[in-house]
Amino acid sequence: MGIIKKTGGEHLIYEDSKNGCLIAIEKEAQKAIKNYWKRNKGKQDPSNEVIDAYLLIHDEEQNSLKINFENRIAVEIQYLKKFD
């Protein structure tokens, strides 16, 4: 029998500390976030780069969070923290 690997979803969850909400970004956008932090490491006033994301909303039927794909929002990278 073959080994079944657990593959992650296509989106990663981050916390937007400026707006106090959880957001989902596409996996490909994570490279832009990593490059941003490399460029701005140690700077007191980091640049204001923006990335597209989706807001997580509460689904009352399943009593869980789900990604709202209807509205894409722009968030500043400097306020993002990886949600574990």
Protein backbone atom coordinates (compact mmCIF):
# COMPACT_ATOMS: atom_id res chain seq x y z
CA MET A 1 0.00 0.00 0.00
CA GLY A 2 1.32 3.43 -0.90
CA ILE A 3 1.96 6.23 1.54
CA ILE A 4 -0.59 9.00 1.46
CA LYS A 5 0.99 12.39 2.05
CA LYS A 6 -0.91 15.20 3.68
CA THR A 7 -0.88 18.13 1.31
CA GLY A 8 -1.72 21.60 2.49
CA GLY A 9 -4.48 23.66 1.04
CA GLU A 10 -4.02 26.28 -1.60
CA HIS A 11 -4.34 29.10 0.95
CA LEU A 12 -2.41 30.05 4.08
CA ILE A 13 -3.99 31.73 7.10
CA TYR A 14 -2.54 34.98 8.45
CA GLU A 15 -3.65 37.42 11.12
CA ASP A 16 -3.99 41.07 10.11
CA SER A 17 -2.97 42.81 13.34
CA LYS A 18 -3.99 46.24 12.05
CA ASN A 19 -7.63 45.26 11.45
CA GLY A 20 -7.79 42.41 13.98
CA CYS A 21 -9.03 39.73 11.59
CA LEU A 22 -7.95 36.48 9.99
CA ILE A 23 -7.25 36.37 6.28
CA ALA A 24 -6.32 33.74 3.71
CA ILE A 25 -3.66 34.31 1.08
CA GLU A 26 -2.75 32.11 -1.85
CA LYS A 27 0.35 29.97 -1.37
CA GLU A 28 2.13 31.67 -4.26
CA ALA A 29 1.83 35.03 -2.48
CA GLN A 30 3.90 33.76 0.43
CA LYS A 31 7.06 34.37 -1.61
CA ALA A 32 6.18 38.07 -1.82
CA ILE A 33 5.76 38.20 1.96
CA LYS A 34 9.12 36.48 2.58
CA ASN A 35 10.89 38.83 0.14
CA TYR A 36 9.27 41.83 1.82
CA TRP A 37 10.61 40.81 5.25
CA LYS A 38 14.09 40.15 3.83
CA ARG A 39 14.21 43.64 2.29
CA ASN A 40 12.85 45.39 5.39
CA LYS A 41 14.64 43.41 8.11
CA GLY A 42 15.82 45.75 10.85
CA LYS A 43 14.22 48.87 9.35
CA GLN A 44 12.17 51.04 11.67
CA ASP A 45 9.85 52.32 8.94
CA PRO A 46 9.19 49.44 6.54
CA SER A 47 7.67 50.20 3.16
CA ASN A 48 3.91 49.89 2.67
CA GLU A 49 3.48 46.99 0.29
CA VAL A 50 0.02 45.56 -0.27
CA ILE A 51 -1.05 42.02 -1.07
CA ASP A 52 -4.44 40.60 -2.08
CA ALA A 53 -6.21 38.33 0.39
CA TYR A 54 -9.59 36.90 1.35
CA LEU A 55 -11.34 37.52 4.64
CA LEU A 56 -12.33 34.56 6.82
CA ILE A 57 -15.95 34.64 7.96
CA HIS A 58 -17.94 32.55 10.45
CA ASP A 59 -20.13 29.85 8.91
CA GLU A 60 -23.04 29.39 11.34
CA GLU A 61 -24.28 26.22 9.65
CA GLN A 62 -21.02 24.34 10.26
CA ASN A 63 -19.91 26.49 13.22
CA SER A 64 -16.48 27.12 11.68
CA LEU A 65 -14.52 29.65 9.69
CA LYS A 66 -14.57 29.72 5.91
CA ILE A 67 -12.90 31.81 3.25
CA ASN A 68 -15.09 34.49 1.68
CA PHE A 69 -14.11 34.23 -1.99
CA GLU A 70 -16.66 36.86 -3.04
CA ASN A 71 -14.59 39.85 -1.95
CA ARG A 72 -10.86 40.22 -2.38
CA ILE A 73 -9.27 42.70 0.02
CA ALA A 74 -5.90 44.45 0.05
CA VAL A 75 -3.83 44.18 3.23
CA GLU A 76 -0.48 45.68 4.17
CA ILE A 77 2.25 43.06 4.53
CA GLN A 78 3.86 44.78 7.51
CA TYR A 79 0.81 43.94 9.68
CA LEU A 80 0.62 40.24 8.78
CA LYS A 81 1.51 37.48 11.22
CA LYS A 82 1.35 33.78 10.38
CA PHE A 83 -1.56 32.11 12.20
CA ASP A 84 -0.63 28.69 13.59
